[in-house]
Amino acid sequence: MKLKPDWSEDERAFLRLMEAQQEALEQQMQDTIRGISEIEDAIEGRPDSEPLARELRP
């Protein structure tokens, strides 16, 4: 959504807050996906994931 010239400062601040929250959620999602990929690599025994694989072993 874009800022409109007739919006109040509160409306503008709310939009900026919502955009910041969306960016934070997108970053969390990317971090989660990256973490899942690292765990999958460790489970599959890829050599570069050996430190994580040791942590996952019982």
PDB file of N, CA and C in Angstrom:
ATOM      1  N   MET A   1       0.852  -1.169   0.000  1.00  0.00           N
ATOM      2  CA  MET A   1       0.000   0.000   0.000  1.00  0.00           C
ATOM      3  C   MET A   1       0.902   1.238   0.000  1.00  0.00           C
ATOM      4  N   LYS A   2       0.496   2.254  -0.665  1.00  0.00           N
ATOM      5  CA  LYS A   2       1.301   3.468  -0.742  1.00  0.00           C
ATOM      6  C   LYS A   2       0.686   4.581   0.088  1.00  0.00           C
ATOM      7  N   LEU A   3       1.571   5.440   0.560  1.00  0.00           N
ATOM      8  CA  LEU A   3       1.110   6.604   1.312  1.00  0.00           C
ATOM      9  C   LEU A   3       0.310   7.517   0.402  1.00  0.00           C
ATOM     10  N   LYS A   4      -0.734   8.073   0.953  1.00  0.00           N
ATOM     11  CA  LYS A   4      -1.553   9.015   0.196  1.00  0.00           C
ATOM     12  C   LYS A   4      -1.382  10.397   0.812  1.00  0.00           C
ATOM     13  N   PRO A   5      -1.396  11.429  -0.012  1.00  0.00           N
ATOM     14  CA  PRO A   5      -1.130  12.777   0.503  1.00  0.00           C
ATOM     15  C   PRO A   5      -2.107  13.243   1.581  1.00  0.00           C
ATOM     16  N   ASP A   6      -3.329  12.734   1.559  1.00  0.00           N
ATOM     17  CA  ASP A   6      -4.318  13.209   2.532  1.00  0.00           C
ATOM     18  C   ASP A   6      -4.336  12.392   3.828  1.00  0.00           C
ATOM     19  N   TRP A   7      -3.398  11.472   3.986  1.00  0.00           N
ATOM     20  CA  TRP A   7      -3.361  10.658   5.195  1.00  0.00           C
ATOM     21  C   TRP A   7      -2.788  11.469   6.357  1.00  0.00           C
ATOM     22  N   SER A   8      -3.301  11.178   7.538  1.00  0.00           N
ATOM     23  CA  SER A   8      -2.781  11.836   8.744  1.00  0.00           C
ATOM     24  C   SER A   8      -1.425  11.221   9.108  1.00  0.00           C
ATOM     25  N   GLU A   9      -0.729  11.879   9.999  1.00  0.00           N
ATOM     26  CA  GLU A   9       0.578  11.358  10.431  1.00  0.00           C
ATOM     27  C   GLU A   9       0.406  10.003  11.118  1.00  0.00           C
ATOM     28  N   ASP A  10      -0.694   9.803  11.847  1.00  0.00           N
ATOM     29  CA  ASP A  10      -0.954   8.504  12.487  1.00  0.00           C
ATOM     30  C   ASP A  10      -1.135   7.407  11.444  1.00  0.00           C
ATOM     31  N   GLU A  11      -1.865   7.715  10.384  1.00  0.00           N
ATOM     32  CA  GLU A  11      -2.071   6.730   9.316  1.00  0.00           C
ATOM     33  C   GLU A  11      -0.751   6.401   8.633  1.00  0.00           C
ATOM     34  N   ARG A  12       0.066   7.405   8.418  1.00  0.00           N
ATOM     35  CA  ARG A  12       1.385   7.186   7.800  1.00  0.00           C
ATOM     36  C   ARG A  12       2.272   6.329   8.713  1.00  0.00           C
ATOM     37  N   ALA A  13       2.260   6.641   9.998  1.00  0.00           N
ATOM     38  CA  ALA A  13       3.067   5.870  10.958  1.00  0.00           C
ATOM     39  C   ALA A  13       2.587   4.423  11.018  1.00  0.00           C
ATOM     40  N   PHE A  14       1.279   4.216  10.992  1.00  0.00           N
ATOM     41  CA  PHE A  14       0.724   2.867  11.023  1.00  0.00           C
ATOM     42  C   PHE A  14       1.168   2.082   9.788  1.00  0.00           C
ATOM     43  N   LEU A  15       1.124   2.713   8.626  1.00  0.00           N
ATOM     44  CA  LEU A  15       1.553   2.038   7.401  1.00  0.00           C
ATOM     45  C   LEU A  15       3.035   1.673   7.482  1.00  0.00           C
ATOM     46  N   ARG A  16       3.857   2.583   7.970  1.00  0.00           N
ATOM     47  CA  ARG A  16       5.294   2.281   8.105  1.00  0.00           C
ATOM     48  C   ARG A  16       5.509   1.109   9.066  1.00  0.00           C
ATOM     49  N   LEU A  17       4.740   1.096  10.160  1.00  0.00           N
ATOM     50  CA  LEU A  17       4.839  -0.008  11.116  1.00  0.00           C
ATOM     51  C   LEU A  17       4.450  -1.334  10.468  1.00  0.00           C
ATOM     52  N   MET A  18       3.360  -1.333   9.733  1.00  0.00           N
ATOM     53  CA  MET A  18       2.904  -2.561   9.067  1.00  0.00           C
ATOM     54  C   MET A  18       3.935  -3.044   8.049  1.00  0.00           C
ATOM     55  N   GLU A  19       4.541  -2.120   7.315  1.00  0.00           N
ATOM     56  CA  GLU A  19       5.564  -2.502   6.339  1.00  0.00           C
ATOM     57  C   GLU A  19       6.788  -3.082   7.037  1.00  0.00           C
ATOM     58  N   ALA A  20       7.183  -2.498   8.164  1.00  0.00           N
ATOM     59  CA  ALA A  20       8.322  -3.016   8.926  1.00  0.00           C
ATOM     60  C   ALA A  20       8.022  -4.413   9.470  1.00  0.00           C
ATOM     61  N   GLN A  21       6.810  -4.623   9.945  1.00  0.00           N
ATOM     62  CA  GLN A  21       6.433  -5.944  10.451  1.00  0.00           C
ATOM     63  C   GLN A  21       6.439  -6.981   9.323  1.00  0.00           C
ATOM     64  N   GLN A  22       5.972  -6.581   8.150  1.00  0.00           N
ATOM     65  CA  GLN A  22       5.967  -7.501   7.022  1.00  0.00           C
ATOM     66  C   GLN A  22       7.397  -7.885   6.639  1.00  0.00           C
ATOM     67  N   GLU A  23       8.292  -6.904   6.615  1.00  0.00           N
ATOM     68  CA  GLU A  23       9.689  -7.201   6.302  1.00  0.00           C
ATOM     69  C   GLU A  23      10.299  -8.138   7.339  1.00  0.00           C
ATOM     70  N   ALA A  24       9.990  -7.914   8.609  1.00  0.00           N
ATOM     71  CA  ALA A  24      10.512  -8.773   9.670  1.00  0.00           C
ATOM     72  C   ALA A  24       9.985 -10.197   9.529  1.00  0.00           C
ATOM     73  N   LEU A  25       8.708 -10.340   9.214  1.00  0.00           N
ATOM     74  CA  LEU A  25       8.133 -11.672   9.021  1.00  0.00           C
ATOM     75  C   LEU A  25       8.752 -12.380   7.821  1.00  0.00           C
ATOM     76  N   GLU A  26       8.989 -11.643   6.758  1.00  0.00           N
ATOM     77  CA  GLU A  26       9.619 -12.234   5.575  1.00  0.00           C
ATOM     78  C   GLU A  26      11.025 -12.716   5.917  1.00  0.00           C
ATOM     79  N   GLN A  27      11.774 -11.930   6.704  1.00  0.00           N
ATOM     80  CA  GLN A  27      13.118 -12.335   7.104  1.00  0.00           C
ATOM     81  C   GLN A  27      13.064 -13.574   7.988  1.00  0.00           C
ATOM     82  N   GLN A  28      12.104 -13.616   8.924  1.00  0.00           N
ATOM     83  CA  GLN A  28      11.956 -14.797   9.780  1.00  0.00           C
ATOM     84  C   GLN A  28      11.640 -16.026   8.943  1.00  0.00           C
ATOM     85  N   MET A  29      10.798 -15.868   7.944  1.00  0.00           N
ATOM     86  CA  MET A  29      10.435 -16.985   7.078  1.00  0.00           C
ATOM     87  C   MET A  29      11.669 -17.487   6.325  1.00  0.00           C
ATOM     88  N   GLN A  30      12.471 -16.572   5.798  1.00  0.00           N
ATOM     89  CA  GLN A  30      13.681 -16.977   5.091  1.00  0.00           C
ATOM     90  C   GLN A  30      14.651 -17.684   6.032  1.00  0.00           C
ATOM     91  N   ASP A  31      14.793 -17.163   7.255  1.00  0.00           N
ATOM     92  CA  ASP A  31      15.676 -17.796   8.239  1.00  0.00           C
ATOM     93  C   ASP A  31      15.185 -19.200   8.596  1.00  0.00           C
ATOM     94  N   THR A  32      13.870 -19.356   8.730  1.00  0.00           N
ATOM     95  CA  THR A  32      13.289 -20.659   9.043  1.00  0.00           C
ATOM     96  C   THR A  32      13.541 -21.648   7.909  1.00  0.00           C
ATOM     97  N   ILE A  33      13.324 -21.214   6.689  1.00  0.00           N
ATOM     98  CA  ILE A  33      13.554 -22.080   5.530  1.00  0.00           C
ATOM     99  C   ILE A  33      15.025 -22.477   5.455  1.00  0.00           C
ATOM    100  N   ARG A  34      15.917 -21.524   5.706  1.00  0.00           N
ATOM    101  CA  ARG A  34      17.351 -21.818   5.689  1.00  0.00           C
ATOM    102  C   ARG A  34      17.693 -22.838   6.782  1.00  0.00           C
ATOM    103  N   GLY A  35      17.089 -22.661   7.965  1.00  0.00           N
ATOM    104  CA  GLY A  35      17.336 -23.597   9.057  1.00  0.00           C
ATOM    105  C   GLY A  35      16.836 -24.991   8.739  1.00  0.00           C
ATOM    106  N   ILE A  36      15.670 -25.085   8.124  1.00  0.00           N
ATOM    107  CA  ILE A  36      15.126 -26.385   7.728  1.00  0.00           C
ATOM    108  C   ILE A  36      16.049 -27.044   6.709  1.00  0.00           C
ATOM    109  N   SER A  37      16.547 -26.272   5.772  1.00  0.00           N
ATOM    110  CA  SER A  37      17.466 -26.825   4.759  1.00  0.00           C
ATOM    111  C   SER A  37      18.739 -27.347   5.411  1.00  0.00           C
ATOM    112  N   GLU A  38      19.250 -26.612   6.399  1.00  0.00           N
ATOM    113  CA  GLU A  38      20.460 -27.066   7.097  1.00  0.00           C
ATOM    114  C   GLU A  38      20.198 -28.368   7.847  1.00  0.00           C
ATOM    115  N   ILE A  39      19.046 -28.491   8.456  1.00  0.00           N
ATOM    116  CA  ILE A  39      18.699 -29.728   9.167  1.00  0.00           C
ATOM    117  C   ILE A  39      18.557 -30.880   8.176  1.00  0.00           C
ATOM    118  N   GLU A  40      17.902 -30.629   7.049  1.00  0.00           N
ATOM    119  CA  GLU A  40      17.766 -31.667   6.020  1.00  0.00           C
ATOM    120  C   GLU A  40      19.134 -32.117   5.528  1.00  0.00           C
ATOM    121  N   ASP A  41      20.035 -31.156   5.312  1.00  0.00           N
ATOM    122  CA  ASP A  41      21.390 -31.496   4.876  1.00  0.00           C
ATOM    123  C   ASP A  41      22.085 -32.379   5.912  1.00  0.00           C
ATOM    124  N   ALA A  42      21.909 -32.043   7.184  1.00  0.00           N
ATOM    125  CA  ALA A  42      22.539 -32.830   8.247  1.00  0.00           C
ATOM    126  C   ALA A  42      21.965 -34.232   8.288  1.00  0.00           C
ATOM    127  N   ILE A  43      20.656 -34.338   8.132  1.00  0.00           N
ATOM    128  CA  ILE A  43      20.018 -35.655   8.166  1.00  0.00           C
ATOM    129  C   ILE A  43      20.488 -36.505   6.994  1.00  0.00           C
ATOM    130  N   GLU A  44      20.657 -35.854   5.845  1.00  0.00           N
ATOM    131  CA  GLU A  44      21.098 -36.583   4.648  1.00  0.00           C
ATOM    132  C   GLU A  44      22.597 -36.860   4.659  1.00  0.00           C
ATOM    133  N   GLY A  45      23.312 -36.315   5.630  1.00  0.00           N
ATOM    134  CA  GLY A  45      24.724 -36.631   5.787  1.00  0.00           C
ATOM    135  C   GLY A  45      25.658 -35.855   4.884  1.00  0.00           C
ATOM    136  N   ARG A  46      25.281 -34.708   4.445  1.00  0.00           N
ATOM    137  CA  ARG A  46      26.178 -33.903   3.620  1.00  0.00           C
ATOM    138  C   ARG A  46      27.387 -33.491   4.458  1.00  0.00           C
ATOM    139  N   PRO A  47      28.598 -33.585   3.892  1.00  0.00           N
ATOM    140  CA  PRO A  47      29.826 -33.331   4.663  1.00  0.00           C
ATOM    141  C   PRO A  47      29.891 -31.950   5.313  1.00  0.00           C
ATOM    142  N   ASP A  48      29.395 -30.924   4.642  1.00  0.00           N
ATOM    143  CA  ASP A  48      29.485 -29.578   5.204  1.00  0.00           C
ATOM    144  C   ASP A  48      28.531 -29.356   6.372  1.00  0.00           C
ATOM    145  N   SER A  49      27.696 -30.326   6.659  1.00  0.00           N
ATOM    146  CA  SER A  49      26.731 -30.185   7.757  1.00  0.00           C
ATOM    147  C   SER A  49      27.108 -31.041   8.965  1.00  0.00           C
ATOM    148  N   GLU A  50      28.304 -31.544   9.011  1.00  0.00           N
ATOM    149  CA  GLU A  50      28.710 -32.450  10.090  1.00  0.00           C
ATOM    150  C   GLU A  50      28.562 -31.843  11.487  1.00  0.00           C
ATOM    151  N   PRO A  51      28.919 -30.576  11.728  1.00  0.00           N
ATOM    152  CA  PRO A  51      28.723 -30.046  13.092  1.00  0.00           C
ATOM    153  C   PRO A  51      27.258 -30.080  13.531  1.00  0.00           C
ATOM    154  N   LEU A  52      26.353 -29.729  12.653  1.00  0.00           N
ATOM    155  CA  LEU A  52      24.931 -29.778  12.994  1.00  0.00           C
ATOM    156  C   LEU A  52      24.478 -31.221  13.144  1.00  0.00           C
ATOM    157  N   ALA A  53      24.971 -32.104  12.311  1.00  0.00           N
ATOM    158  CA  ALA A  53      24.592 -33.515  12.396  1.00  0.00           C
ATOM    159  C   ALA A  53      24.970 -34.087  13.761  1.00  0.00           C
ATOM    160  N   ARG A  54      26.136 -33.704  14.279  1.00  0.00           N
ATOM    161  CA  ARG A  54      26.544 -34.189  15.608  1.00  0.00           C
ATOM    162  C   ARG A  54      25.564 -33.707  16.685  1.00  0.00           C
ATOM    163  N   GLU A  55      25.072 -32.473  16.541  1.00  0.00           N
ATOM    164  CA  GLU A  55      24.123 -31.945  17.519  1.00  0.00           C
ATOM    165  C   GLU A  55      22.782 -32.673  17.448  1.00  0.00           C
ATOM    166  N   LEU A  56      22.407 -33.144  16.262  1.00  0.00           N
ATOM    167  CA  LEU A  56      21.105 -33.776  16.084  1.00  0.00           C
ATOM    168  C   LEU A  56      21.093 -35.242  16.490  1.00  0.00           C
ATOM    169  N   ARG A  57      22.263 -35.851  16.570  1.00  0.00           N
ATOM    170  CA  ARG A  57      22.325 -37.274  16.924  1.00  0.00           C
ATOM    171  C   ARG A  57      21.981 -37.472  18.390  1.00  0.00           C
ATOM    172  N   PRO A  58      21.264 -38.559  18.684  1.00  0.00           N
ATOM    173  CA  PRO A  58      20.922 -38.832  20.091  1.00  0.00           C
ATOM    174  C   PRO A  58      22.130 -39.256  20.891  1.00  0.00           C
TER     175      PRO A  58
END
